[in-house]
Amino acid sequence: MITSLTHITVTVRDQDEALSFYTEKLGFVRRADEAFGEGARWLTVSPPGSGEVEIILHLPSLAAGSPNQEAVNRLLRRVGQAAIVCLATDDCQATYEELSGRGVEFISPPQAVPWGRQAIFQDLYGNPYLIVEAPSAPGGTTS
């Protein structure tokens, strides 16, 4: 039985460039940065205090376990075409303003939606991310 989500993989063209974007612009923290094998690197980030879920900044390479160069090329063609990732926030407008001030490109500014408020930005490769502020439910919990 699946019990939790531990990692989300985002394919990148350059791990250092991606690390800079996630840490400097989004304010994420580096969780793991380990060399393994020849030329392979396990690099993960996450929002501060986010618990166990980490984003893997994956650079396809033969050293990273791809069976051949065509497999590496196929993965590299996926850069910027990842599934949408949803990130929680307590204040969508404030988060939008902070990230915009750091140069993050938004596709959609904060707006009311049936599940609260959301804004959509894209990373440096064009992958979309939703920032979602859920309304408070009675008793101070969110839904």
N, C-alpha and C. Protein backbone atom coordinates (compact mmCIF):
# COMPACT_ATOMS: atom_id res chain seq x y z
N MET A 1 0.83 -1.18 0.00
CA MET A 1 0.00 0.00 0.00
C MET A 1 0.88 1.25 0.00
N ILE A 2 0.52 2.21 -0.79
CA ILE A 2 1.26 3.47 -0.81
C ILE A 2 0.89 4.24 0.44
N THR A 3 1.90 4.72 1.17
CA THR A 3 1.65 5.41 2.42
C THR A 3 2.00 6.89 2.40
N SER A 4 2.87 7.33 1.47
CA SER A 4 3.22 8.75 1.44
C SER A 4 3.95 9.09 0.15
N LEU A 5 4.06 10.36 -0.08
CA LEU A 5 4.83 10.88 -1.20
C LEU A 5 6.17 11.32 -0.65
N THR A 6 7.27 10.86 -1.25
CA THR A 6 8.59 11.22 -0.73
C THR A 6 9.38 12.14 -1.66
N HIS A 7 9.26 11.95 -2.98
CA HIS A 7 10.04 12.74 -3.92
C HIS A 7 9.25 13.04 -5.19
N ILE A 8 9.52 14.18 -5.77
CA ILE A 8 9.01 14.56 -7.07
C ILE A 8 10.24 14.84 -7.93
N THR A 9 10.31 14.25 -9.11
CA THR A 9 11.47 14.44 -9.97
C THR A 9 11.17 15.51 -11.01
N VAL A 10 12.06 16.49 -11.09
CA VAL A 10 12.01 17.52 -12.12
C VAL A 10 13.28 17.36 -12.94
N THR A 11 13.13 17.08 -14.23
CA THR A 11 14.28 16.92 -15.11
C THR A 11 14.81 18.30 -15.48
N VAL A 12 16.12 18.48 -15.34
CA VAL A 12 16.75 19.77 -15.59
C VAL A 12 17.90 19.61 -16.58
N ARG A 13 18.30 20.72 -17.18
CA ARG A 13 19.44 20.71 -18.10
C ARG A 13 20.76 20.96 -17.37
N ASP A 14 20.69 21.65 -16.22
CA ASP A 14 21.89 22.01 -15.48
C ASP A 14 21.52 22.03 -13.99
N GLN A 15 22.13 21.14 -13.21
CA GLN A 15 21.77 21.04 -11.80
C GLN A 15 22.16 22.27 -10.99
N ASP A 16 23.30 22.86 -11.26
CA ASP A 16 23.70 24.05 -10.51
C ASP A 16 22.78 25.22 -10.80
N GLU A 17 22.42 25.38 -12.06
CA GLU A 17 21.49 26.44 -12.46
C GLU A 17 20.13 26.24 -11.78
N ALA A 18 19.66 25.00 -11.78
CA ALA A 18 18.37 24.69 -11.14
C ALA A 18 18.45 24.90 -9.63
N LEU A 19 19.54 24.48 -9.02
CA LEU A 19 19.71 24.67 -7.58
C LEU A 19 19.66 26.15 -7.23
N SER A 20 20.31 26.97 -8.02
CA SER A 20 20.29 28.41 -7.79
C SER A 20 18.87 28.96 -7.87
N PHE A 21 18.11 28.54 -8.88
CA PHE A 21 16.73 29.01 -9.02
C PHE A 21 15.90 28.63 -7.80
N TYR A 22 15.95 27.37 -7.42
CA TYR A 22 15.11 26.89 -6.32
C TYR A 22 15.50 27.49 -4.98
N THR A 23 16.80 27.69 -4.74
CA THR A 23 17.21 28.21 -3.43
C THR A 23 17.18 29.74 -3.39
N GLU A 24 17.67 30.40 -4.41
CA GLU A 24 17.76 31.86 -4.38
C GLU A 24 16.45 32.55 -4.73
N LYS A 25 15.72 32.02 -5.68
CA LYS A 25 14.48 32.68 -6.10
C LYS A 25 13.27 32.19 -5.32
N LEU A 26 13.19 30.89 -5.08
CA LEU A 26 12.02 30.34 -4.39
C LEU A 26 12.23 30.24 -2.88
N GLY A 27 13.47 30.33 -2.42
CA GLY A 27 13.74 30.25 -1.00
C GLY A 27 13.75 28.83 -0.45
N PHE A 28 13.86 27.83 -1.33
CA PHE A 28 13.93 26.44 -0.89
C PHE A 28 15.29 26.18 -0.25
N VAL A 29 15.41 25.04 0.42
CA VAL A 29 16.68 24.63 1.01
C VAL A 29 17.19 23.38 0.30
N ARG A 30 18.50 23.27 0.22
CA ARG A 30 19.12 22.07 -0.33
C ARG A 30 19.01 20.98 0.74
N ARG A 31 18.43 19.85 0.36
CA ARG A 31 18.26 18.75 1.31
C ARG A 31 19.33 17.69 1.13
N ALA A 32 19.70 17.39 -0.11
CA ALA A 32 20.73 16.39 -0.37
C ALA A 32 21.53 16.84 -1.58
N ASP A 33 22.81 16.57 -1.54
CA ASP A 33 23.70 16.89 -2.66
C ASP A 33 24.86 15.92 -2.58
N GLU A 34 24.70 14.78 -3.22
CA GLU A 34 25.67 13.71 -3.11
C GLU A 34 26.08 13.21 -4.50
N ALA A 35 27.38 13.06 -4.69
CA ALA A 35 27.89 12.44 -5.91
C ALA A 35 27.74 10.93 -5.76
N PHE A 36 27.33 10.29 -6.84
CA PHE A 36 27.29 8.82 -6.83
C PHE A 36 27.63 8.34 -8.22
N GLY A 37 28.46 7.32 -8.27
CA GLY A 37 28.90 6.86 -9.57
C GLY A 37 29.74 7.92 -10.24
N GLU A 38 30.16 7.63 -11.44
CA GLU A 38 30.98 8.58 -12.19
C GLU A 38 30.09 9.60 -12.89
N GLY A 39 30.15 10.86 -12.45
CA GLY A 39 29.41 11.93 -13.10
C GLY A 39 27.94 12.03 -12.73
N ALA A 40 27.47 11.29 -11.74
CA ALA A 40 26.07 11.37 -11.33
C ALA A 40 25.97 12.12 -10.01
N ARG A 41 24.83 12.78 -9.79
CA ARG A 41 24.63 13.60 -8.60
C ARG A 41 23.19 13.49 -8.14
N TRP A 42 22.99 13.18 -6.86
CA TRP A 42 21.67 13.14 -6.24
C TRP A 42 21.48 14.49 -5.56
N LEU A 43 20.62 15.33 -6.14
CA LEU A 43 20.42 16.70 -5.67
C LEU A 43 18.94 16.91 -5.40
N THR A 44 18.59 17.25 -4.15
CA THR A 44 17.19 17.49 -3.81
C THR A 44 17.04 18.81 -3.06
N VAL A 45 15.84 19.40 -3.20
CA VAL A 45 15.49 20.63 -2.50
C VAL A 45 14.07 20.50 -1.98
N SER A 46 13.72 21.40 -1.06
CA SER A 46 12.33 21.45 -0.59
C SER A 46 12.10 22.80 0.09
N PRO A 47 10.84 23.19 0.24
CA PRO A 47 10.57 24.39 1.02
C PRO A 47 11.01 24.17 2.47
N PRO A 48 11.47 25.21 3.14
CA PRO A 48 11.89 25.04 4.54
C PRO A 48 10.74 24.48 5.38
N GLY A 49 11.03 23.51 6.21
CA GLY A 49 10.02 22.96 7.11
C GLY A 49 8.94 22.15 6.44
N SER A 50 9.18 21.67 5.23
CA SER A 50 8.11 20.98 4.48
C SER A 50 7.96 19.51 4.83
N GLY A 51 8.79 19.00 5.69
CA GLY A 51 8.67 17.58 6.03
C GLY A 51 9.49 16.71 5.12
N GLU A 52 8.92 15.58 4.74
CA GLU A 52 9.69 14.56 4.03
C GLU A 52 9.74 14.71 2.52
N VAL A 53 8.81 15.42 1.89
CA VAL A 53 8.77 15.48 0.43
C VAL A 53 9.88 16.37 -0.10
N GLU A 54 10.64 15.84 -1.06
CA GLU A 54 11.74 16.57 -1.67
C GLU A 54 11.58 16.57 -3.19
N ILE A 55 12.08 17.61 -3.83
CA ILE A 55 12.12 17.68 -5.29
C ILE A 55 13.52 17.25 -5.72
N ILE A 56 13.59 16.23 -6.58
CA ILE A 56 14.86 15.78 -7.13
C ILE A 56 15.14 16.61 -8.38
N LEU A 57 16.28 17.28 -8.42
CA LEU A 57 16.70 18.03 -9.60
C LEU A 57 17.56 17.07 -10.42
N HIS A 58 16.91 16.40 -11.37
CA HIS A 58 17.50 15.27 -12.08
C HIS A 58 18.10 15.69 -13.40
N LEU A 59 19.37 15.42 -13.57
CA LEU A 59 20.06 15.63 -14.84
C LEU A 59 20.27 14.28 -15.49
N PRO A 60 19.55 13.99 -16.57
CA PRO A 60 19.73 12.69 -17.23
C PRO A 60 21.15 12.54 -17.76
N SER A 61 21.72 11.39 -17.52
CA SER A 61 23.05 11.08 -18.05
C SER A 61 23.24 9.58 -18.01
N LEU A 62 24.19 9.10 -18.76
CA LEU A 62 24.50 7.68 -18.73
C LEU A 62 24.95 7.27 -17.33
N ALA A 63 25.67 8.17 -16.65
CA ALA A 63 26.15 7.88 -15.31
C ALA A 63 24.99 7.78 -14.31
N ALA A 64 23.87 8.43 -14.61
CA ALA A 64 22.72 8.41 -13.69
C ALA A 64 21.82 7.21 -13.93
N GLY A 65 22.26 6.25 -14.70
CA GLY A 65 21.52 5.01 -14.86
C GLY A 65 20.75 4.86 -16.15
N SER A 66 20.80 5.83 -17.05
CA SER A 66 20.13 5.67 -18.34
C SER A 66 20.89 4.63 -19.15
N PRO A 67 20.16 3.74 -19.84
CA PRO A 67 20.81 2.63 -20.52
C PRO A 67 21.62 3.01 -21.76
N ASN A 68 21.26 4.14 -22.41
CA ASN A 68 21.99 4.54 -23.61
C ASN A 68 21.75 6.01 -23.89
N GLN A 69 22.49 6.55 -24.84
CA GLN A 69 22.39 7.98 -25.12
C GLN A 69 21.00 8.37 -25.62
N GLU A 70 20.32 7.50 -26.36
CA GLU A 70 18.96 7.83 -26.82
C GLU A 70 18.02 7.99 -25.63
N ALA A 71 18.18 7.16 -24.61
CA ALA A 71 17.36 7.29 -23.41
C ALA A 71 17.64 8.63 -22.71
N VAL A 72 18.90 9.03 -22.65
CA VAL A 72 19.26 10.33 -22.08
C VAL A 72 18.61 11.44 -22.89
N ASN A 73 18.72 11.37 -24.22
CA ASN A 73 18.13 12.40 -25.09
C ASN A 73 16.62 12.47 -24.92
N ARG A 74 15.97 11.34 -24.80
CA ARG A 74 14.53 11.30 -24.61
C ARG A 74 14.15 12.01 -23.31
N LEU A 75 14.88 11.77 -22.24
CA LEU A 75 14.61 12.44 -20.97
C LEU A 75 14.88 13.94 -21.07
N LEU A 76 15.95 14.32 -21.76
CA LEU A 76 16.26 15.74 -21.90
C LEU A 76 15.18 16.48 -22.70
N ARG A 77 14.54 15.80 -23.63
CA ARG A 77 13.45 16.43 -24.38
C ARG A 77 12.25 16.72 -23.49
N ARG A 78 12.19 16.12 -22.33
CA ARG A 78 11.08 16.34 -21.38
C ARG A 78 11.28 17.57 -20.49
N VAL A 79 12.45 18.17 -20.55
CA VAL A 79 12.70 19.34 -19.71
C VAL A 79 11.62 20.38 -20.01
N GLY A 80 11.00 20.89 -18.96
CA GLY A 80 9.95 21.89 -19.10
C GLY A 80 8.57 21.31 -19.36
N GLN A 81 8.42 19.99 -19.29
CA GLN A 81 7.14 19.36 -19.57
C GLN A 81 6.68 18.48 -18.40
N ALA A 82 7.08 18.85 -17.19
CA ALA A 82 6.75 18.05 -16.02
C ALA A 82 5.28 18.23 -15.63
N ALA A 83 4.81 17.33 -14.78
CA ALA A 83 3.48 17.47 -14.21
C ALA A 83 3.45 18.71 -13.33
N ILE A 84 2.26 19.27 -13.15
CA ILE A 84 2.12 20.46 -12.30
C ILE A 84 2.30 20.05 -10.85
N VAL A 85 3.07 20.83 -10.13
CA VAL A 85 3.30 20.63 -8.70
C VAL A 85 2.54 21.72 -7.96
N CYS A 86 1.83 21.34 -6.90
CA CYS A 86 1.09 22.30 -6.08
C CYS A 86 1.86 22.56 -4.79
N LEU A 87 2.04 23.84 -4.49
CA LEU A 87 2.74 24.25 -3.28
C LEU A 87 1.76 25.03 -2.40
N ALA A 88 1.73 24.72 -1.12
CA ALA A 88 0.81 25.39 -0.20
C ALA A 88 1.42 26.69 0.31
N THR A 89 0.56 27.66 0.58
CA THR A 89 0.97 28.92 1.20
C THR A 89 -0.16 29.41 2.11
N ASP A 90 0.21 30.18 3.11
CA ASP A 90 -0.80 30.79 3.98
C ASP A 90 -1.32 32.10 3.40
N ASP A 91 -0.56 32.71 2.48
CA ASP A 91 -0.93 34.01 1.91
C ASP A 91 -0.47 34.07 0.46
N CYS A 92 -1.37 33.77 -0.45
CA CYS A 92 -1.04 33.69 -1.87
C CYS A 92 -0.51 35.03 -2.40
N GLN A 93 -1.16 36.12 -2.04
CA GLN A 93 -0.75 37.43 -2.54
C GLN A 93 0.65 37.79 -2.07
N ALA A 94 0.94 37.58 -0.80
CA ALA A 94 2.27 37.91 -0.27
C ALA A 94 3.35 37.03 -0.91
N THR A 95 3.04 35.76 -1.11
CA THR A 95 4.00 34.85 -1.74
C THR A 95 4.25 35.28 -3.19
N TYR A 96 3.18 35.63 -3.89
CA TYR A 96 3.29 36.12 -5.27
C TYR A 96 4.19 37.35 -5.33
N GLU A 97 3.97 38.30 -4.44
CA GLU A 97 4.77 39.53 -4.45
C GLU A 97 6.23 39.24 -4.12
N GLU A 98 6.47 38.38 -3.15
CA GLU A 98 7.85 38.04 -2.77
C GLU A 98 8.58 37.36 -3.93
N LEU A 99 7.94 36.35 -4.53
CA LEU A 99 8.59 35.62 -5.61
C LEU A 99 8.74 36.48 -6.86
N SER A 100 7.74 37.29 -7.16
CA SER A 100 7.85 38.21 -8.31
C SER A 100 9.03 39.15 -8.12
N GLY A 101 9.22 39.62 -6.89
CA GLY A 101 10.34 40.49 -6.58
C GLY A 101 11.69 39.82 -6.77
N ARG A 102 11.71 38.50 -6.71
CA ARG A 102 12.95 37.75 -6.92
C ARG A 102 13.13 37.36 -8.38
N GLY A 103 12.21 37.79 -9.24
CA GLY A 103 12.34 37.50 -10.66
C GLY A 103 11.64 36.25 -11.14
N VAL A 104 10.79 35.65 -10.30
CA VAL A 104 10.05 34.47 -10.73
C VAL A 104 8.96 34.91 -11.69
N GLU A 105 8.83 34.21 -12.83
CA GLU A 105 7.86 34.55 -13.86
C GLU A 105 6.52 33.86 -13.58
N PHE A 106 5.48 34.66 -13.43
CA PHE A 106 4.14 34.13 -13.17
C PHE A 106 3.34 34.07 -14.46
N ILE A 107 2.65 32.96 -14.66
CA ILE A 107 1.75 32.76 -15.79
C ILE A 107 0.40 33.35 -15.44
N SER A 108 0.05 33.27 -14.17
CA SER A 108 -1.25 33.75 -13.68
C SER A 108 -1.06 34.36 -12.30
N PRO A 109 -1.50 35.61 -12.12
CA PRO A 109 -1.40 36.23 -10.79
C PRO A 109 -2.42 35.60 -9.84
N PRO A 110 -2.35 35.93 -8.56
CA PRO A 110 -3.32 35.37 -7.61
C PRO A 110 -4.76 35.67 -8.03
N GLN A 111 -5.57 34.64 -7.92
CA GLN A 111 -6.99 34.81 -8.24
C GLN A 111 -7.81 33.85 -7.40
N ALA A 112 -9.08 34.22 -7.20
CA ALA A 112 -9.99 33.36 -6.45
C ALA A 112 -10.38 32.17 -7.32
N VAL A 113 -10.35 30.99 -6.72
CA VAL A 113 -10.78 29.75 -7.36
C VAL A 113 -11.64 29.01 -6.35
N PRO A 114 -12.41 28.02 -6.80
CA PRO A 114 -13.32 27.34 -5.85
C PRO A 114 -12.62 26.75 -4.62
N TRP A 115 -11.33 26.44 -4.72
CA TRP A 115 -10.61 25.83 -3.60
C TRP A 115 -9.78 26.82 -2.80
N GLY A 116 -9.95 28.11 -3.07
CA GLY A 116 -9.22 29.14 -2.32
C GLY A 116 -8.69 30.22 -3.24
N ARG A 117 -7.41 30.49 -3.17
CA ARG A 117 -6.72 31.43 -4.07
C ARG A 117 -5.51 30.72 -4.62
N GLN A 118 -5.18 31.02 -5.87
CA GLN A 118 -4.00 30.41 -6.46
C GLN A 118 -3.33 31.35 -7.44
N ALA A 119 -2.06 31.12 -7.63
CA ALA A 119 -1.25 31.79 -8.65
C ALA A 119 -0.42 30.69 -9.30
N ILE A 120 -0.02 30.92 -10.54
CA ILE A 120 0.77 29.92 -11.25
C ILE A 120 2.05 30.58 -11.75
N PHE A 121 3.19 29.96 -11.42
CA PHE A 121 4.47 30.43 -11.94
C PHE A 121 5.13 29.29 -12.71
N GLN A 122 6.18 29.63 -13.42
CA GLN A 122 6.95 28.59 -14.09
C GLN A 122 8.40 28.72 -13.67
N ASP A 123 9.07 27.57 -13.63
CA ASP A 123 10.49 27.59 -13.29
C ASP A 123 11.29 27.99 -14.52
N LEU A 124 12.60 27.97 -14.39
CA LEU A 124 13.44 28.44 -15.48
C LEU A 124 13.36 27.58 -16.72
N TYR A 125 12.73 26.38 -16.63
CA TYR A 125 12.57 25.51 -17.79
C TYR A 125 11.15 25.50 -18.35
N GLY A 126 10.24 26.25 -17.71
CA GLY A 126 8.87 26.29 -18.17
C GLY A 126 7.93 25.34 -17.47
N ASN A 127 8.40 24.62 -16.44
CA ASN A 127 7.50 23.73 -15.68
C ASN A 127 6.56 24.58 -14.84
N PRO A 128 5.26 24.31 -14.89
CA PRO A 128 4.31 25.10 -14.12
C PRO A 128 4.20 24.62 -12.67
N TYR A 129 4.00 25.58 -11.76
CA TYR A 129 3.79 25.31 -10.34
C TYR A 129 2.61 26.15 -9.86
N LEU A 130 1.71 25.53 -9.13
CA LEU A 130 0.60 26.25 -8.52
C LEU A 130 0.97 26.60 -7.09
N ILE A 131 0.68 27.82 -6.69
CA ILE A 131 0.77 28.22 -5.29
C ILE A 131 -0.68 28.34 -4.84
N VAL A 132 -1.06 27.55 -3.84
CA VAL A 132 -2.46 27.47 -3.43
C VAL A 132 -2.62 27.88 -1.97
N GLU A 133 -3.54 28.79 -1.75
CA GLU A 133 -3.95 29.20 -0.41
C GLU A 133 -5.37 28.69 -0.21
N ALA A 134 -5.52 27.71 0.65
CA ALA A 134 -6.85 27.14 0.91
C ALA A 134 -7.57 28.03 1.93
N PRO A 135 -8.89 28.15 1.80
CA PRO A 135 -9.63 28.97 2.77
C PRO A 135 -9.60 28.30 4.14
N SER A 136 -9.69 29.11 5.16
CA SER A 136 -9.76 28.57 6.52
C SER A 136 -11.14 28.02 6.79
N ALA A 137 -11.17 26.86 7.38
CA ALA A 137 -12.44 26.24 7.76
C ALA A 137 -12.74 26.63 9.20
N PRO A 138 -13.98 26.47 9.65
CA PRO A 138 -14.29 26.75 11.06
C PRO A 138 -13.35 25.98 11.98
N GLY A 139 -12.89 26.62 13.01
CA GLY A 139 -11.98 25.97 13.94
C GLY A 139 -10.52 26.19 13.58
N GLY A 140 -10.25 26.96 12.54
CA GLY A 140 -8.88 27.33 12.19
C GLY A 140 -8.12 26.30 11.35
N THR A 141 -8.75 25.26 10.86
CA THR A 141 -8.05 24.32 10.02
C THR A 141 -8.28 24.67 8.57
N THR A 142 -7.48 24.14 7.70
CA THR A 142 -7.68 24.39 6.27
C THR A 142 -8.22 23.14 5.63
N SER A 143 -8.90 23.36 4.53
CA SER A 143 -9.45 22.22 3.80
C SER A 143 -8.86 22.13 2.43
